[in-house]
Amino acid sequence: MKLKHLALSLALVVLAATSALAGKVTVHFFVVPASTPAPQLNALNDYLIHTAGGFTASRSFGASQNSLGKDYAPDNLSYTVSAHKNLSKDIGGFLKKNLGLKDVFLLSWPAERLDD
C-alpha cells in the first residue's frame, strides 16, 4: 500500500514540475534533509531557478534498510526539476559542495513537456 502512495505522490509531483521550456526535457528528482538550514535551502532554490528555470518541492519521508525499526516522520524535502538537458551531475555536485551531502539520491529520466 505504501508503494502505491509513493508512486502516486511521485506522479503528482512530476505533473506539477515547472519549466519554462516546452518539448523534450530531463526530469530530475532528488531529496535533501528537511533539517537543512534555511540559507542553504535558499541558495539551492536560487541555483535551481537560475540553472533550470524552476523547481517543485514538497515534504516527504522514506525509509531504507538502514532505517528499519525507526520512527517514520517527514524528514526530507523532495525536489522535482525539469530542464532542457540532463543536469544530474551539476545538481549532484551542488548538493555535495553547498549542502555538505556525502550521498545524493537523485533520479533523472527523459520526458516531454506538453504546453497548451
PDB file of N, CA and C in Angstrom:
ATOM      1  N   MET A   1       0.820  -1.189   0.000  1.00  0.00           N
ATOM      2  CA  MET A   1       0.000   0.000   0.000  1.00  0.00           C
ATOM      3  C   MET A   1       0.868   1.259   0.000  1.00  0.00           C
ATOM      4  N   LYS A   2       1.957   1.253   0.802  1.00  0.00           N
ATOM      5  CA  LYS A   2       2.826   2.423   0.874  1.00  0.00           C
ATOM      6  C   LYS A   2       3.465   2.692  -0.484  1.00  0.00           C
ATOM      7  N   LEU A   3       3.812   1.639  -1.209  1.00  0.00           N
ATOM      8  CA  LEU A   3       4.429   1.796  -2.521  1.00  0.00           C
ATOM      9  C   LEU A   3       3.468   2.478  -3.487  1.00  0.00           C
ATOM     10  N   LYS A   4       2.170   2.141  -3.413  1.00  0.00           N
ATOM     11  CA  LYS A   4       1.174   2.786  -4.270  1.00  0.00           C
ATOM     12  C   LYS A   4       1.080   4.280  -3.968  1.00  0.00           C
ATOM     13  N   HIS A   5       1.111   4.623  -2.666  1.00  0.00           N
ATOM     14  CA  HIS A   5       1.042   6.030  -2.279  1.00  0.00           C
ATOM     15  C   HIS A   5       2.284   6.774  -2.749  1.00  0.00           C
ATOM     16  N   LEU A   6       3.453   6.137  -2.622  1.00  0.00           N
ATOM     17  CA  LEU A   6       4.692   6.768  -3.076  1.00  0.00           C
ATOM     18  C   LEU A   6       4.653   6.989  -4.580  1.00  0.00           C
ATOM     19  N   ALA A   7       4.193   5.993  -5.341  1.00  0.00           N
ATOM     20  CA  ALA A   7       4.117   6.113  -6.798  1.00  0.00           C
ATOM     21  C   ALA A   7       3.144   7.221  -7.194  1.00  0.00           C
ATOM     22  N   LEU A   8       1.996   7.291  -6.532  1.00  0.00           N
ATOM     23  CA  LEU A   8       1.018   8.335  -6.829  1.00  0.00           C
ATOM     24  C   LEU A   8       1.579   9.713  -6.489  1.00  0.00           C
ATOM     25  N   SER A   9       2.237   9.828  -5.336  1.00  0.00           N
ATOM     26  CA  SER A   9       2.828  11.108  -4.942  1.00  0.00           C
ATOM     27  C   SER A   9       3.880  11.550  -5.944  1.00  0.00           C
ATOM     28  N   LEU A  10       4.730  10.626  -6.363  1.00  0.00           N
ATOM     29  CA  LEU A  10       5.768  10.957  -7.332  1.00  0.00           C
ATOM     30  C   LEU A  10       5.155  11.398  -8.652  1.00  0.00           C
ATOM     31  N   ALA A  11       4.114  10.703  -9.088  1.00  0.00           N
ATOM     32  CA  ALA A  11       3.449  11.067 -10.342  1.00  0.00           C
ATOM     33  C   ALA A  11       2.854  12.475 -10.254  1.00  0.00           C
ATOM     34  N   LEU A  12       2.246  12.803  -9.123  1.00  0.00           N
ATOM     35  CA  LEU A  12       1.663  14.138  -8.954  1.00  0.00           C
ATOM     36  C   LEU A  12       2.744  15.213  -8.919  1.00  0.00           C
ATOM     37  N   VAL A  13       3.863  14.909  -8.280  1.00  0.00           N
ATOM     38  CA  VAL A  13       4.956  15.878  -8.227  1.00  0.00           C
ATOM     39  C   VAL A  13       5.510  16.109  -9.622  1.00  0.00           C
ATOM     40  N   VAL A  14       5.672  15.033 -10.393  1.00  0.00           N
ATOM     41  CA  VAL A  14       6.195  15.164 -11.755  1.00  0.00           C
ATOM     42  C   VAL A  14       5.256  16.016 -12.600  1.00  0.00           C
ATOM     43  N   LEU A  15       3.951  15.804 -12.449  1.00  0.00           N
ATOM     44  CA  LEU A  15       2.993  16.599 -13.207  1.00  0.00           C
ATOM     45  C   LEU A  15       3.058  18.077 -12.838  1.00  0.00           C
ATOM     46  N   ALA A  16       3.429  18.355 -11.598  1.00  0.00           N
ATOM     47  CA  ALA A  16       3.469  19.736 -11.146  1.00  0.00           C
ATOM     48  C   ALA A  16       4.816  20.410 -11.399  1.00  0.00           C
ATOM     49  N   ALA A  17       5.797  19.654 -11.897  1.00  0.00           N
ATOM     50  CA  ALA A  17       7.136  20.226 -12.112  1.00  0.00           C
ATOM     51  C   ALA A  17       7.062  21.394 -13.068  1.00  0.00           C
ATOM     52  N   THR A  18       7.795  22.437 -12.739  1.00  0.00           N
ATOM     53  CA  THR A  18       7.759  23.627 -13.578  1.00  0.00           C
ATOM     54  C   THR A  18       8.975  23.703 -14.465  1.00  0.00           C
ATOM     55  N   SER A  19       8.778  24.286 -15.644  1.00  0.00           N
ATOM     56  CA  SER A  19       9.873  24.541 -16.569  1.00  0.00           C
ATOM     57  C   SER A  19       9.413  25.592 -17.556  1.00  0.00           C
ATOM     58  N   ALA A  20      10.314  26.446 -17.942  1.00  0.00           N
ATOM     59  CA  ALA A  20       9.983  27.461 -18.940  1.00  0.00           C
ATOM     60  C   ALA A  20      10.118  26.910 -20.345  1.00  0.00           C
ATOM     61  N   LEU A  21      10.546  25.667 -20.461  1.00  0.00           N
ATOM     62  CA  LEU A  21      10.819  25.082 -21.769  1.00  0.00           C
ATOM     63  C   LEU A  21       9.739  24.096 -22.165  1.00  0.00           C
ATOM     64  N   ALA A  22       9.371  24.102 -23.433  1.00  0.00           N
ATOM     65  CA  ALA A  22       8.429  23.114 -23.958  1.00  0.00           C
ATOM     66  C   ALA A  22       9.220  22.085 -24.730  1.00  0.00           C
ATOM     67  N   GLY A  23       8.632  20.917 -24.967  1.00  0.00           N
ATOM     68  CA  GLY A  23       9.286  19.873 -25.755  1.00  0.00           C
ATOM     69  C   GLY A  23      10.045  18.902 -24.884  1.00  0.00           C
ATOM     70  N   LYS A  24      11.149  18.378 -25.410  1.00  0.00           N
ATOM     71  CA  LYS A  24      11.946  17.377 -24.704  1.00  0.00           C
ATOM     72  C   LYS A  24      12.658  18.006 -23.505  1.00  0.00           C
ATOM     73  N   VAL A  25      12.550  17.346 -22.376  1.00  0.00           N
ATOM     74  CA  VAL A  25      13.206  17.794 -21.152  1.00  0.00           C
ATOM     75  C   VAL A  25      13.762  16.584 -20.410  1.00  0.00           C
ATOM     76  N   THR A  26      14.580  16.847 -19.425  1.00  0.00           N
ATOM     77  CA  THR A  26      15.011  15.822 -18.483  1.00  0.00           C
ATOM     78  C   THR A  26      14.415  16.188 -17.137  1.00  0.00           C
ATOM     79  N   VAL A  27      13.771  15.223 -16.509  1.00  0.00           N
ATOM     80  CA  VAL A  27      13.194  15.430 -15.181  1.00  0.00           C
ATOM     81  C   VAL A  27      14.188  14.892 -14.157  1.00  0.00           C
ATOM     82  N   HIS A  28      14.418  15.669 -13.132  1.00  0.00           N
ATOM     83  CA  HIS A  28      15.334  15.303 -12.057  1.00  0.00           C
ATOM     84  C   HIS A  28      14.529  15.237 -10.762  1.00  0.00           C
ATOM     85  N   PHE A  29      14.729  14.181 -10.000  1.00  0.00           N
ATOM     86  CA  PHE A  29      14.064  14.028  -8.709  1.00  0.00           C
ATOM     87  C   PHE A  29      15.151  13.741  -7.683  1.00  0.00           C
ATOM     88  N   PHE A  30      15.168  14.530  -6.601  1.00  0.00           N
ATOM     89  CA  PHE A  30      16.157  14.296  -5.551  1.00  0.00           C
ATOM     90  C   PHE A  30      15.599  14.735  -4.215  1.00  0.00           C
ATOM     91  N   VAL A  31      16.229  14.279  -3.165  1.00  0.00           N
ATOM     92  CA  VAL A  31      15.802  14.636  -1.816  1.00  0.00           C
ATOM     93  C   VAL A  31      16.958  15.263  -1.059  1.00  0.00           C
ATOM     94  N   VAL A  32      16.605  16.171  -0.157  1.00  0.00           N
ATOM     95  CA  VAL A  32      17.566  16.765   0.768  1.00  0.00           C
ATOM     96  C   VAL A  32      16.932  16.718   2.160  1.00  0.00           C
ATOM     97  N   PRO A  33      17.758  16.683   3.201  1.00  0.00           N
ATOM     98  CA  PRO A  33      17.196  16.657   4.556  1.00  0.00           C
ATOM     99  C   PRO A  33      16.369  17.913   4.837  1.00  0.00           C
ATOM    100  N   ALA A  34      15.209  17.716   5.451  1.00  0.00           N
ATOM    101  CA  ALA A  34      14.353  18.855   5.808  1.00  0.00           C
ATOM    102  C   ALA A  34      15.025  19.732   6.854  1.00  0.00           C
ATOM    103  N   SER A  35      16.019  19.196   7.538  1.00  0.00           N
ATOM    104  CA  SER A  35      16.732  19.954   8.570  1.00  0.00           C
ATOM    105  C   SER A  35      17.820  20.867   7.985  1.00  0.00           C
ATOM    106  N   THR A  36      17.943  20.891   6.659  1.00  0.00           N
ATOM    107  CA  THR A  36      18.929  21.762   6.024  1.00  0.00           C
ATOM    108  C   THR A  36      18.638  23.212   6.411  1.00  0.00           C
ATOM    109  N   PRO A  37      19.650  23.951   6.851  1.00  0.00           N
ATOM    110  CA  PRO A  37      19.425  25.349   7.253  1.00  0.00           C
ATOM    111  C   PRO A  37      18.833  26.184   6.118  1.00  0.00           C
ATOM    112  N   ALA A  38      17.979  27.136   6.487  1.00  0.00           N
ATOM    113  CA  ALA A  38      17.280  27.983   5.512  1.00  0.00           C
ATOM    114  C   ALA A  38      18.220  28.672   4.519  1.00  0.00           C
ATOM    115  N   PRO A  39      19.370  29.207   4.956  1.00  0.00           N
ATOM    116  CA  PRO A  39      20.240  29.863   3.970  1.00  0.00           C
ATOM    117  C   PRO A  39      20.724  28.897   2.875  1.00  0.00           C
ATOM    118  N   GLN A  40      20.990  27.659   3.239  1.00  0.00           N
ATOM    119  CA  GLN A  40      21.416  26.669   2.252  1.00  0.00           C
ATOM    120  C   GLN A  40      20.261  26.289   1.325  1.00  0.00           C
ATOM    121  N   LEU A  41      19.056  26.153   1.878  1.00  0.00           N
ATOM    122  CA  LEU A  41      17.896  25.853   1.039  1.00  0.00           C
ATOM    123  C   LEU A  41      17.610  27.007   0.088  1.00  0.00           C
ATOM    124  N   ASN A  42      17.723  28.226   0.579  1.00  0.00           N
ATOM    125  CA  ASN A  42      17.516  29.385  -0.293  1.00  0.00           C
ATOM    126  C   ASN A  42      18.542  29.408  -1.421  1.00  0.00           C
ATOM    127  N   ALA A  43      19.800  29.067  -1.098  1.00  0.00           N
ATOM    128  CA  ALA A  43      20.842  29.017  -2.125  1.00  0.00           C
ATOM    129  C   ALA A  43      20.527  27.923  -3.148  1.00  0.00           C
ATOM    130  N   LEU A  44      20.035  26.772  -2.684  1.00  0.00           N
ATOM    131  CA  LEU A  44      19.650  25.684  -3.595  1.00  0.00           C
ATOM    132  C   LEU A  44      18.502  26.135  -4.488  1.00  0.00           C
ATOM    133  N   ASN A  45      17.488  26.734  -3.894  1.00  0.00           N
ATOM    134  CA  ASN A  45      16.338  27.191  -4.670  1.00  0.00           C
ATOM    135  C   ASN A  45      16.750  28.216  -5.725  1.00  0.00           C
ATOM    136  N   ASP A  46      17.596  29.159  -5.328  1.00  0.00           N
ATOM    137  CA  ASP A  46      18.089  30.163  -6.279  1.00  0.00           C
ATOM    138  C   ASP A  46      18.881  29.502  -7.403  1.00  0.00           C
ATOM    139  N   TYR A  47      19.715  28.537  -7.047  1.00  0.00           N
ATOM    140  CA  TYR A  47      20.516  27.808  -8.039  1.00  0.00           C
ATOM    141  C   TYR A  47      19.603  27.106  -9.051  1.00  0.00           C
ATOM    142  N   LEU A  48      18.558  26.444  -8.561  1.00  0.00           N
ATOM    143  CA  LEU A  48      17.645  25.718  -9.452  1.00  0.00           C
ATOM    144  C   LEU A  48      16.866  26.669 -10.358  1.00  0.00           C
ATOM    145  N   ILE A  49      16.464  27.800  -9.823  1.00  0.00           N
ATOM    146  CA  ILE A  49      15.764  28.788 -10.650  1.00  0.00           C
ATOM    147  C   ILE A  49      16.699  29.315 -11.734  1.00  0.00           C
ATOM    148  N   HIS A  50      17.927  29.625 -11.350  1.00  0.00           N
ATOM    149  CA  HIS A  50      18.895  30.165 -12.304  1.00  0.00           C
ATOM    150  C   HIS A  50      19.326  29.111 -13.336  1.00  0.00           C
ATOM    151  N   THR A  51      19.551  27.875 -12.887  1.00  0.00           N
ATOM    152  CA  THR A  51      20.094  26.825 -13.757  1.00  0.00           C
ATOM    153  C   THR A  51      19.027  26.132 -14.600  1.00  0.00           C
ATOM    154  N   ALA A  52      17.880  25.832 -13.995  1.00  0.00           N
ATOM    155  CA  ALA A  52      16.858  25.039 -14.679  1.00  0.00           C
ATOM    156  C   ALA A  52      15.578  25.810 -14.960  1.00  0.00           C
ATOM    157  N   GLY A  53      15.422  26.974 -14.389  1.00  0.00           N
ATOM    158  CA  GLY A  53      14.217  27.757 -14.616  1.00  0.00           C
ATOM    159  C   GLY A  53      13.162  27.595 -13.548  1.00  0.00           C
ATOM    160  N   GLY A  54      13.364  26.676 -12.604  1.00  0.00           N
ATOM    161  CA  GLY A  54      12.382  26.491 -11.536  1.00  0.00           C
ATOM    162  C   GLY A  54      12.465  25.114 -10.916  1.00  0.00           C
ATOM    163  N   PHE A  55      11.544  24.847  -9.987  1.00  0.00           N
ATOM    164  CA  PHE A  55      11.510  23.577  -9.271  1.00  0.00           C
ATOM    165  C   PHE A  55      10.163  23.423  -8.594  1.00  0.00           C
ATOM    166  N   THR A  56       9.887  22.216  -8.151  1.00  0.00           N
ATOM    167  CA  THR A  56       8.759  21.929  -7.279  1.00  0.00           C
ATOM    168  C   THR A  56       9.324  21.158  -6.091  1.00  0.00           C
ATOM    169  N   ALA A  57       8.962  21.530  -4.875  1.00  0.00           N
ATOM    170  CA  ALA A  57       9.459  20.845  -3.680  1.00  0.00           C
ATOM    171  C   ALA A  57       8.304  20.540  -2.751  1.00  0.00           C
ATOM    172  N   SER A  58       8.421  19.427  -2.038  1.00  0.00           N
ATOM    173  CA  SER A  58       7.409  19.059  -1.055  1.00  0.00           C
ATOM    174  C   SER A  58       8.063  18.257   0.066  1.00  0.00           C
ATOM    175  N   ARG A  59       7.450  18.300   1.238  1.00  0.00           N
ATOM    176  CA  ARG A  59       7.958  17.495   2.368  1.00  0.00           C
ATOM    177  C   ARG A  59       7.645  16.035   2.097  1.00  0.00           C
ATOM    178  N   SER A  60       8.559  15.175   2.495  1.00  0.00           N
ATOM    179  CA  SER A  60       8.373  13.747   2.252  1.00  0.00           C
ATOM    180  C   SER A  60       9.143  12.943   3.290  1.00  0.00           C
ATOM    181  N   PHE A  61       8.875  11.672   3.295  1.00  0.00           N
ATOM    182  CA  PHE A  61       9.685  10.788   4.117  1.00  0.00           C
ATOM    183  C   PHE A  61       9.862   9.491   3.372  1.00  0.00           C
ATOM    184  N   GLY A  62      10.873   8.763   3.776  1.00  0.00           N
ATOM    185  CA  GLY A  62      11.163   7.492   3.139  1.00  0.00           C
ATOM    186  C   GLY A  62      11.910   6.613   4.120  1.00  0.00           C
ATOM    187  N   ALA A  63      12.267   5.466   3.650  1.00  0.00           N
ATOM    188  CA  ALA A  63      12.972   4.518   4.501  1.00  0.00           C
ATOM    189  C   ALA A  63      13.918   3.696   3.645  1.00  0.00           C
ATOM    190  N   SER A  64      14.910   3.154   4.299  1.00  0.00           N
ATOM    191  CA  SER A  64      15.839   2.241   3.647  1.00  0.00           C
ATOM    192  C   SER A  64      16.143   1.124   4.623  1.00  0.00           C
ATOM    193  N   GLN A  65      16.946   0.191   4.197  1.00  0.00           N
ATOM    194  CA  GLN A  65      17.284  -0.913   5.089  1.00  0.00           C
ATOM    195  C   GLN A  65      17.939  -0.406   6.359  1.00  0.00           C
ATOM    196  N   ASN A  66      18.670   0.686   6.262  1.00  0.00           N
ATOM    197  CA  ASN A  66      19.355   1.240   7.428  1.00  0.00           C
ATOM    198  C   ASN A  66      18.403   1.905   8.415  1.00  0.00           C
ATOM    199  N   SER A  67      17.149   2.130   8.036  1.00  0.00           N
ATOM    200  CA  SER A  67      16.219   2.821   8.924  1.00  0.00           C
ATOM    201  C   SER A  67      15.157   1.884   9.504  1.00  0.00           C
ATOM    202  N   LEU A  68      15.327   0.575   9.374  1.00  0.00           N
ATOM    203  CA  LEU A  68      14.348  -0.360   9.925  1.00  0.00           C
ATOM    204  C   LEU A  68      14.174  -0.145  11.423  1.00  0.00           C
ATOM    205  N   GLY A  69      12.928  -0.128  11.856  1.00  0.00           N
ATOM    206  CA  GLY A  69      12.624  -0.002  13.272  1.00  0.00           C
ATOM    207  C   GLY A  69      12.626   1.416  13.803  1.00  0.00           C
ATOM    208  N   LYS A  70      12.940   2.392  12.997  1.00  0.00           N
ATOM    209  CA  LYS A  70      12.948   3.779  13.441  1.00  0.00           C
ATOM    210  C   LYS A  70      11.591   4.404  13.183  1.00  0.00           C
ATOM    211  N   ASP A  71      11.309   5.505  13.884  1.00  0.00           N
ATOM    212  CA  ASP A  71      10.081   6.248  13.617  1.00  0.00           C
ATOM    213  C   ASP A  71      10.149   6.846  12.226  1.00  0.00           C
ATOM    214  N   TYR A  72       9.030   6.859  11.546  1.00  0.00           N
ATOM    215  CA  TYR A  72       8.966   7.444  10.216  1.00  0.00           C
ATOM    216  C   TYR A  72       8.282   8.793  10.313  1.00  0.00           C
ATOM    217  N   ALA A  73       9.025   9.821  10.015  1.00  0.00           N
ATOM    218  CA  ALA A  73       8.495  11.182  10.082  1.00  0.00           C
ATOM    219  C   ALA A  73       8.962  11.936   8.843  1.00  0.00           C
ATOM    220  N   PRO A  74       8.218  12.935   8.426  1.00  0.00           N
ATOM    221  CA  PRO A  74       8.677  13.731   7.281  1.00  0.00           C
ATOM    222  C   PRO A  74      10.058  14.311   7.567  1.00  0.00           C
ATOM    223  N   ASP A  75      11.048  13.771   6.891  1.00  0.00           N
ATOM    224  CA  ASP A  75      12.403  14.199   7.187  1.00  0.00           C
ATOM    225  C   ASP A  75      13.168  14.649   5.950  1.00  0.00           C
ATOM    226  N   ASN A  76      12.484  14.746   4.834  1.00  0.00           N
ATOM    227  CA  ASN A  76      13.130  15.164   3.592  1.00  0.00           C
ATOM    228  C   ASN A  76      12.316  16.240   2.888  1.00  0.00           C
ATOM    229  N   LEU A  77      12.983  16.923   1.998  1.00  0.00           N
ATOM    230  CA  LEU A  77      12.319  17.757   1.013  1.00  0.00           C
ATOM    231  C   LEU A  77      12.592  17.082  -0.324  1.00  0.00           C
ATOM    232  N   SER A  78      11.550  16.750  -1.049  1.00  0.00           N
ATOM    233  CA  SER A  78      11.684  16.131  -2.361  1.00  0.00           C
ATOM    234  C   SER A  78      11.560  17.207  -3.423  1.00  0.00           C
ATOM    235  N   TYR A  79      12.546  17.271  -4.292  1.00  0.00           N
ATOM    236  CA  TYR A  79      12.572  18.258  -5.369  1.00  0.00           C
ATOM    237  C   TYR A  79      12.348  17.568  -6.703  1.00  0.00           C
ATOM    238  N   THR A  80      11.568  18.196  -7.557  1.00  0.00           N
ATOM    239  CA  THR A  80      11.409  17.773  -8.937  1.00  0.00           C
ATOM    240  C   THR A  80      11.750  18.973  -9.805  1.00  0.00           C
ATOM    241  N   VAL A  81      12.631  18.746 -10.761  1.00  0.00           N
ATOM    242  CA  VAL A  81      13.121  19.817 -11.622  1.00  0.00           C
ATOM    243  C   VAL A  81      13.116  19.312 -13.050  1.00  0.00           C
ATOM    244  N   SER A  82      12.541  20.062 -13.958  1.00  0.00           N
ATOM    245  CA  SER A  82      12.658  19.715 -15.378  1.00  0.00           C
ATOM    246  C   SER A  82      13.557  20.753 -16.030  1.00  0.00           C
ATOM    247  N   ALA A  83      14.384  20.286 -16.948  1.00  0.00           N
ATOM    248  CA  ALA A  83      15.345  21.181 -17.593  1.00  0.00           C
ATOM    249  C   ALA A  83      15.550  20.748 -19.037  1.00  0.00           C
ATOM    250  N   HIS A  84      16.099  21.647 -19.825  1.00  0.00           N
ATOM    251  CA  HIS A  84      16.306  21.377 -21.247  1.00  0.00           C
ATOM    252  C   HIS A  84      17.394  20.336 -21.495  1.00  0.00           C
ATOM    253  N   LYS A  85      18.193  20.013 -20.459  1.00  0.00           N
ATOM    254  CA  LYS A  85      19.223  18.983 -20.585  1.00  0.00           C
ATOM    255  C   LYS A  85      19.396  18.284 -19.241  1.00  0.00           C
ATOM    256  N   ASN A  86      20.149  17.206 -19.252  1.00  0.00           N
ATOM    257  CA  ASN A  86      20.394  16.469 -18.018  1.00  0.00           C
ATOM    258  C   ASN A  86      21.357  17.261 -17.139  1.00  0.00           C
ATOM    259  N   LEU A  87      20.890  17.668 -15.975  1.00  0.00           N
ATOM    260  CA  LEU A  87      21.682  18.436 -15.026  1.00  0.00           C
ATOM    261  C   LEU A  87      22.079  17.610 -13.805  1.00  0.00           C
ATOM    262  N   SER A  88      21.988  16.295 -13.906  1.00  0.00           N
ATOM    263  CA  SER A  88      22.236  15.426 -12.751  1.00  0.00           C
ATOM    264  C   SER A  88      23.591  15.668 -12.111  1.00  0.00           C
ATOM    265  N   LYS A  89      24.646  15.709 -12.916  1.00  0.00           N
ATOM    266  CA  LYS A  89      25.990  15.920 -12.360  1.00  0.00           C
ATOM    267  C   LYS A  89      26.105  17.304 -11.738  1.00  0.00           C
ATOM    268  N   ASP A  90      25.515  18.308 -12.377  1.00  0.00           N
ATOM    269  CA  ASP A  90      25.566  19.673 -11.848  1.00  0.00           C
ATOM    270  C   ASP A  90      24.821  19.774 -10.522  1.00  0.00           C
ATOM    271  N   ILE A  91      23.604  19.241 -10.490  1.00  0.00           N
ATOM    272  CA  ILE A  91      22.803  19.297  -9.262  1.00  0.00           C
ATOM    273  C   ILE A  91      23.477  18.482  -8.164  1.00  0.00           C
ATOM    274  N   GLY A  92      23.923  17.272  -8.494  1.00  0.00           N
ATOM    275  CA  GLY A  92      24.605  16.425  -7.503  1.00  0.00           C
ATOM    276  C   GLY A  92      25.834  17.111  -6.934  1.00  0.00           C
ATOM    277  N   GLY A  93      26.623  17.751  -7.791  1.00  0.00           N
ATOM    278  CA  GLY A  93      27.803  18.478  -7.327  1.00  0.00           C
ATOM    279  C   GLY A  93      27.441  19.633  -6.413  1.00  0.00           C
ATOM    280  N   PHE A  94      26.376  20.359  -6.767  1.00  0.00           N
ATOM    281  CA  PHE A  94      25.921  21.470  -5.930  1.00  0.00           C
ATOM    282  C   PHE A  94      25.499  20.956  -4.558  1.00  0.00           C
ATOM    283  N   LEU A  95      24.750  19.862  -4.526  1.00  0.00           N
ATOM    284  CA  LEU A  95      24.273  19.317  -3.249  1.00  0.00           C
ATOM    285  C   LEU A  95      25.439  18.878  -2.371  1.00  0.00           C
ATOM    286  N   LYS A  96      26.435  18.256  -2.972  1.00  0.00           N
ATOM    287  CA  LYS A  96      27.592  17.801  -2.192  1.00  0.00           C
ATOM    288  C   LYS A  96      28.417  18.991  -1.696  1.00  0.00           C
ATOM    289  N   LYS A  97      28.663  19.948  -2.568  1.00  0.00           N
ATOM    290  CA  LYS A  97      29.525  21.076  -2.221  1.00  0.00           C
ATOM    291  C   LYS A  97      28.843  22.077  -1.288  1.00  0.00           C
ATOM    292  N   ASN A  98      27.621  22.451  -1.603  1.00  0.00           N
ATOM    293  CA  ASN A  98      26.963  23.542  -0.883  1.00  0.00           C
ATOM    294  C   ASN A  98      26.072  23.101   0.268  1.00  0.00           C
ATOM    295  N   LEU A  99      25.580  21.857   0.236  1.00  0.00           N
ATOM    296  CA  LEU A  99      24.777  21.364   1.346  1.00  0.00           C
ATOM    297  C   LEU A  99      25.547  20.361   2.187  1.00  0.00           C
ATOM    298  N   GLY A 100      26.746  19.990   1.750  1.00  0.00           N
ATOM    299  CA  GLY A 100      27.582  19.068   2.510  1.00  0.00           C
ATOM    300  C   GLY A 100      27.084  17.639   2.518  1.00  0.00           C
ATOM    301  N   LEU A 101      26.266  17.266   1.527  1.00  0.00           N
ATOM    302  CA  LEU A 101      25.748  15.896   1.482  1.00  0.00           C
ATOM    303  C   LEU A 101      26.822  14.949   0.949  1.00  0.00           C
ATOM    304  N   LYS A 102      27.054  13.854   1.661  1.00  0.00           N
ATOM    305  CA  LYS A 102      28.009  12.845   1.196  1.00  0.00           C
ATOM    306  C   LYS A 102      27.371  11.952   0.150  1.00  0.00           C
ATOM    307  N   ASP A 103      26.131  11.566   0.404  1.00  0.00           N
ATOM    308  CA  ASP A 103      25.379  10.715  -0.516  1.00  0.00           C
ATOM    309  C   ASP A 103      24.212  11.512  -1.072  1.00  0.00           C
ATOM    310  N   VAL A 104      23.990  11.388  -2.358  1.00  0.00           N
ATOM    311  CA  VAL A 104      22.898  12.110  -3.011  1.00  0.00           C
ATOM    312  C   VAL A 104      21.978  11.099  -3.674  1.00  0.00           C
ATOM    313  N   PHE A 105      20.689  11.123  -3.341  1.00  0.00           N
ATOM    314  CA  PHE A 105      19.678  10.310  -4.017  1.00  0.00           C
ATOM    315  C   PHE A 105      19.077  11.177  -5.102  1.00  0.00           C
ATOM    316  N   LEU A 106      19.419  10.880  -6.353  1.00  0.00           N
ATOM    317  CA  LEU A 106      18.967  11.691  -7.474  1.00  0.00           C
ATOM    318  C   LEU A 106      18.616  10.772  -8.634  1.00  0.00           C
ATOM    319  N   LEU A 107      17.404  10.898  -9.128  1.00  0.00           N
ATOM    320  CA  LEU A 107      16.954  10.149 -10.297  1.00  0.00           C
ATOM    321  C   LEU A 107      16.715  11.124 -11.432  1.00  0.00           C
ATOM    322  N   SER A 108      16.962  10.688 -12.660  1.00  0.00           N
ATOM    323  CA  SER A 108      16.624  11.530 -13.808  1.00  0.00           C
ATOM    324  C   SER A 108      16.120  10.642 -14.932  1.00  0.00           C
ATOM    325  N   TRP A 109      15.234  11.217 -15.752  1.00  0.00           N
ATOM    326  CA  TRP A 109      14.701  10.481 -16.880  1.00  0.00           C
ATOM    327  C   TRP A 109      14.233  11.472 -17.948  1.00  0.00           C
ATOM    328  N   PRO A 110      14.276  11.044 -19.219  1.00  0.00           N
ATOM    329  CA  PRO A 110      13.808  11.919 -20.290  1.00  0.00           C
ATOM    330  C   PRO A 110      12.297  12.018 -20.268  1.00  0.00           C
ATOM    331  N   ALA A 111      11.798  13.172 -20.652  1.00  0.00           N
ATOM    332  CA  ALA A 111      10.350  13.393 -20.662  1.00  0.00           C
ATOM    333  C   ALA A 111      10.027  14.404 -21.751  1.00  0.00           C
ATOM    334  N   GLU A 112       8.754  14.568 -21.966  1.00  0.00           N
ATOM    335  CA  GLU A 112       8.303  15.577 -22.913  1.00  0.00           C
ATOM    336  C   GLU A 112       7.294  16.457 -22.210  1.00  0.00           C
ATOM    337  N   ARG A 113       7.523  17.741 -22.270  1.00  0.00           N
ATOM    338  CA  ARG A 113       6.615  18.698 -21.653  1.00  0.00           C
ATOM    339  C   ARG A 113       5.599  19.138 -22.686  1.00  0.00           C
ATOM    340  N   LEU A 114       4.336  19.048 -22.304  1.00  0.00           N
ATOM    341  CA  LEU A 114       3.248  19.464 -23.197  1.00  0.00           C
ATOM    342  C   LEU A 114       2.669  20.759 -22.675  1.00  0.00           C
ATOM    343  N   ASP A 115       2.686  21.763 -23.484  1.00  0.00           N
ATOM    344  CA  ASP A 115       2.084  23.047 -23.120  1.00  0.00           C
ATOM    345  C   ASP A 115       0.853  23.257 -23.981  1.00  0.00           C
ATOM    346  N   ASP A 116      -0.193  23.777 -23.373  1.00  0.00           N
ATOM    347  CA  ASP A 116      -1.416  24.067 -24.131  1.00  0.00           C
ATOM    348  C   ASP A 116      -1.278  25.361 -24.866  1.00  0.00           C
TER     349      ASP A 116
END
